[in-house]
């Protein structure tokens, strides 16, 4: 059987659509997990956990952590330039 170029193209495009859908699902899952992590980090700070320890356990940068804290209305010192 001879494959028509349009059939090969259609199959390739279906693969693109499937990969894009899988990526979208993974990104949605990741966004939900990050949201959970943010809420947990803020809750830990609110009960007095050390911010350095929160950052270490959350495995995020200081900038990310303090962005979350600011968004939650927690006190954050202004950054200092050395």
N, C-alpha and C. Protein backbone atom coordinates (compact mmCIF):
# COMPACT_ATOMS: atom_id res chain seq x y z
N UNK A 1 0.83 -1.18 0.00
CA UNK A 1 0.00 0.00 0.00
C UNK A 1 0.88 1.24 0.00
N UNK A 2 0.54 2.17 -0.82
CA UNK A 2 1.28 3.42 -0.95
C UNK A 2 0.62 4.46 -0.04
N UNK A 3 1.46 5.09 0.78
CA UNK A 3 0.91 6.12 1.67
C UNK A 3 0.90 7.46 0.94
N UNK A 4 -0.20 8.13 1.04
CA UNK A 4 -0.36 9.45 0.42
C UNK A 4 0.28 10.48 1.35
N UNK A 5 1.02 11.46 0.80
CA UNK A 5 1.68 12.46 1.64
C UNK A 5 0.72 13.14 2.62
N UNK A 6 -0.49 13.39 2.21
CA UNK A 6 -1.47 14.04 3.09
C UNK A 6 -1.78 13.19 4.31
N UNK A 7 -1.76 11.84 4.12
CA UNK A 7 -2.01 10.94 5.25
C UNK A 7 -0.86 11.02 6.26
N UNK A 8 0.36 11.06 5.76
CA UNK A 8 1.53 11.19 6.64
C UNK A 8 1.49 12.52 7.37
N UNK A 9 1.11 13.58 6.66
CA UNK A 9 1.02 14.90 7.28
C UNK A 9 -0.06 14.91 8.36
N UNK A 10 -1.21 14.31 8.05
CA UNK A 10 -2.30 14.26 9.02
C UNK A 10 -1.88 13.49 10.27
N UNK A 11 -1.17 12.38 10.09
CA UNK A 11 -0.71 11.60 11.23
C UNK A 11 0.28 12.41 12.07
N UNK A 12 1.17 13.12 11.39
CA UNK A 12 2.14 13.95 12.11
C UNK A 12 1.44 15.07 12.88
N UNK A 13 0.44 15.66 12.28
CA UNK A 13 -0.30 16.73 12.94
C UNK A 13 -1.10 16.20 14.13
N UNK A 14 -1.63 14.99 14.02
CA UNK A 14 -2.32 14.38 15.15
C UNK A 14 -1.35 14.17 16.31
N UNK A 15 -0.12 13.78 15.98
CA UNK A 15 0.90 13.61 17.02
C UNK A 15 1.22 14.95 17.69
N UNK A 16 1.25 16.02 16.91
CA UNK A 16 1.49 17.36 17.48
C UNK A 16 0.35 17.72 18.43
N UNK A 17 -0.88 17.49 18.01
CA UNK A 17 -2.04 17.80 18.84
C UNK A 17 -1.99 16.99 20.14
N UNK A 18 -1.66 15.71 20.06
CA UNK A 18 -1.58 14.86 21.25
C UNK A 18 -0.49 15.35 22.20
N UNK A 19 0.66 15.70 21.66
CA UNK A 19 1.76 16.19 22.49
C UNK A 19 1.40 17.52 23.15
N UNK A 20 0.73 18.39 22.42
CA UNK A 20 0.32 19.68 22.99
C UNK A 20 -0.70 19.47 24.10
N UNK A 21 -1.61 18.55 23.92
CA UNK A 21 -2.60 18.26 24.95
C UNK A 21 -1.94 17.70 26.21
N UNK A 22 -0.97 16.82 26.01
CA UNK A 22 -0.24 16.25 27.16
C UNK A 22 0.53 17.35 27.89
N UNK A 23 1.14 18.25 27.13
CA UNK A 23 1.86 19.36 27.75
C UNK A 23 0.91 20.25 28.55
N UNK A 24 -0.24 20.57 27.98
CA UNK A 24 -1.22 21.41 28.66
C UNK A 24 -1.67 20.78 29.97
N UNK A 25 -1.89 19.46 29.94
CA UNK A 25 -2.29 18.74 31.14
C UNK A 25 -1.18 18.80 32.20
N UNK A 26 0.05 18.61 31.77
CA UNK A 26 1.18 18.65 32.70
C UNK A 26 1.34 20.05 33.30
N UNK A 27 1.18 21.07 32.49
CA UNK A 27 1.30 22.44 32.99
C UNK A 27 0.20 22.76 33.99
N UNK A 28 -1.01 22.31 33.72
CA UNK A 28 -2.12 22.53 34.66
C UNK A 28 -1.85 21.82 35.98
N UNK A 29 -1.35 20.61 35.90
CA UNK A 29 -1.01 19.84 37.10
C UNK A 29 0.08 20.57 37.89
N UNK A 30 1.11 21.04 37.20
CA UNK A 30 2.21 21.75 37.85
C UNK A 30 1.71 23.04 38.50
N UNK A 31 0.88 23.78 37.82
CA UNK A 31 0.35 25.03 38.38
C UNK A 31 -0.42 24.76 39.67
N UNK A 32 -1.18 23.68 39.70
CA UNK A 32 -1.93 23.33 40.90
C UNK A 32 -0.99 22.97 42.05
N UNK A 33 0.07 22.22 41.75
CA UNK A 33 1.03 21.84 42.79
C UNK A 33 1.78 23.07 43.31
N UNK A 34 2.15 23.99 42.43
CA UNK A 34 2.85 25.20 42.86
C UNK A 34 1.93 26.03 43.76
N UNK A 35 0.66 26.10 43.41
CA UNK A 35 -0.30 26.83 44.23
C UNK A 35 -0.40 26.21 45.62
N UNK A 36 -0.42 24.90 45.69
CA UNK A 36 -0.43 24.19 46.98
C UNK A 36 0.83 24.50 47.78
N UNK A 37 1.97 24.50 47.11
CA UNK A 37 3.24 24.79 47.77
C UNK A 37 3.25 26.22 48.31
N UNK A 38 2.76 27.15 47.51
CA UNK A 38 2.70 28.55 47.94
C UNK A 38 1.84 28.68 49.20
N UNK A 39 0.66 28.06 49.19
CA UNK A 39 -0.23 28.13 50.34
C UNK A 39 0.42 27.51 51.58
N UNK A 40 1.09 26.40 51.39
CA UNK A 40 1.75 25.73 52.52
C UNK A 40 2.89 26.59 53.07
N UNK A 41 3.66 27.22 52.19
CA UNK A 41 4.77 28.08 52.63
C UNK A 41 4.25 29.28 53.40
N UNK A 42 3.20 29.89 52.90
CA UNK A 42 2.60 31.04 53.59
C UNK A 42 2.06 30.62 54.95
N UNK A 43 1.38 29.49 55.00
CA UNK A 43 0.84 29.00 56.27
C UNK A 43 1.95 28.74 57.27
N UNK A 44 3.05 28.18 56.81
CA UNK A 44 4.19 27.92 57.70
C UNK A 44 4.75 29.23 58.25
N UNK A 45 4.86 30.23 57.41
CA UNK A 45 5.36 31.54 57.86
C UNK A 45 4.40 32.17 58.87
N UNK A 46 3.12 32.01 58.62
CA UNK A 46 2.12 32.60 59.52
C UNK A 46 2.15 32.01 60.92
N UNK A 47 2.59 30.76 61.05
CA UNK A 47 2.68 30.15 62.38
C UNK A 47 4.08 30.27 62.97
N UNK A 48 4.95 31.04 62.31
CA UNK A 48 6.25 31.35 62.88
C UNK A 48 7.42 30.50 62.45
N UNK A 49 7.25 29.66 61.46
CA UNK A 49 8.39 28.85 60.98
C UNK A 49 9.45 29.78 60.40
N UNK A 50 10.70 29.38 60.55
CA UNK A 50 11.81 30.18 60.03
C UNK A 50 11.73 30.25 58.50
N UNK A 51 11.84 31.45 57.99
CA UNK A 51 11.69 31.64 56.55
C UNK A 51 12.79 30.94 55.76
N UNK A 52 13.99 30.91 56.30
CA UNK A 52 15.07 30.19 55.61
C UNK A 52 14.75 28.71 55.50
N UNK A 53 14.21 28.16 56.58
CA UNK A 53 13.85 26.72 56.57
C UNK A 53 12.70 26.46 55.59
N UNK A 54 11.73 27.36 55.55
CA UNK A 54 10.63 27.22 54.59
C UNK A 54 11.19 27.19 53.18
N UNK A 55 12.09 28.13 52.88
CA UNK A 55 12.67 28.21 51.54
C UNK A 55 13.45 26.94 51.20
N UNK A 56 14.21 26.44 52.15
CA UNK A 56 14.98 25.22 51.90
C UNK A 56 14.07 24.04 51.61
N UNK A 57 13.06 23.87 52.44
CA UNK A 57 12.17 22.73 52.27
C UNK A 57 11.30 22.84 51.02
N UNK A 58 10.92 24.07 50.69
CA UNK A 58 10.10 24.28 49.48
C UNK A 58 10.94 24.19 48.21
N UNK A 59 12.26 24.31 48.37
CA UNK A 59 13.19 24.27 47.24
C UNK A 59 12.86 25.35 46.20
N UNK A 60 12.68 26.58 46.71
CA UNK A 60 12.43 27.72 45.84
C UNK A 60 13.44 28.81 46.17
N UNK A 61 13.56 29.77 45.28
CA UNK A 61 14.47 30.88 45.50
C UNK A 61 13.89 31.84 46.54
N UNK A 62 14.74 32.64 47.12
CA UNK A 62 14.29 33.66 48.06
C UNK A 62 13.31 34.60 47.38
N UNK A 63 13.61 34.97 46.15
CA UNK A 63 12.74 35.89 45.41
C UNK A 63 11.33 35.30 45.28
N UNK A 64 11.23 34.03 44.92
CA UNK A 64 9.92 33.39 44.79
C UNK A 64 9.20 33.37 46.13
N UNK A 65 9.90 32.96 47.17
CA UNK A 65 9.29 32.87 48.49
C UNK A 65 8.76 34.22 48.95
N UNK A 66 9.59 35.26 48.82
CA UNK A 66 9.17 36.57 49.30
C UNK A 66 8.10 37.19 48.41
N UNK A 67 8.05 36.81 47.17
CA UNK A 67 6.95 37.23 46.30
C UNK A 67 5.64 36.64 46.81
N UNK A 68 5.68 35.37 47.18
CA UNK A 68 4.50 34.72 47.75
C UNK A 68 4.08 35.40 49.05
N UNK A 69 5.06 35.71 49.91
CA UNK A 69 4.75 36.34 51.19
C UNK A 69 4.13 37.72 50.98
N UNK A 70 4.69 38.49 50.06
CA UNK A 70 4.12 39.81 49.77
C UNK A 70 2.69 39.69 49.27
N UNK A 71 2.45 38.75 48.39
CA UNK A 71 1.11 38.56 47.84
C UNK A 71 0.12 38.18 48.92
N UNK A 72 0.60 37.49 49.96
CA UNK A 72 -0.26 37.08 51.06
C UNK A 72 -0.40 38.15 52.14
N UNK A 73 0.32 39.26 51.96
CA UNK A 73 0.22 40.34 52.92
C UNK A 73 1.13 40.20 54.13
N UNK A 74 2.11 39.32 54.05
CA UNK A 74 3.06 39.16 55.14
C UNK A 74 4.13 40.25 55.04
N UNK A 75 4.70 40.60 56.20
CA UNK A 75 5.76 41.61 56.21
C UNK A 75 7.01 41.06 55.53
N UNK A 76 7.57 41.87 54.65
CA UNK A 76 8.79 41.51 53.94
C UNK A 76 9.70 42.74 53.96
N UNK A 77 10.91 42.56 54.42
CA UNK A 77 11.87 43.68 54.43
C UNK A 77 12.23 44.05 52.99
N UNK A 78 12.48 45.32 52.76
CA UNK A 78 12.95 45.70 51.42
C UNK A 78 14.33 45.11 51.18
N UNK A 79 14.62 44.79 49.93
CA UNK A 79 15.93 44.22 49.62
C UNK A 79 16.99 45.31 49.75
N UNK A 80 18.19 44.87 50.08
CA UNK A 80 19.31 45.81 50.21
C UNK A 80 20.33 45.49 49.15
N UNK A 81 20.90 46.51 48.58
CA UNK A 81 21.96 46.35 47.59
C UNK A 81 23.30 46.48 48.30
N UNK A 82 24.20 45.56 48.03
CA UNK A 82 25.53 45.59 48.67
C UNK A 82 26.50 46.32 47.81
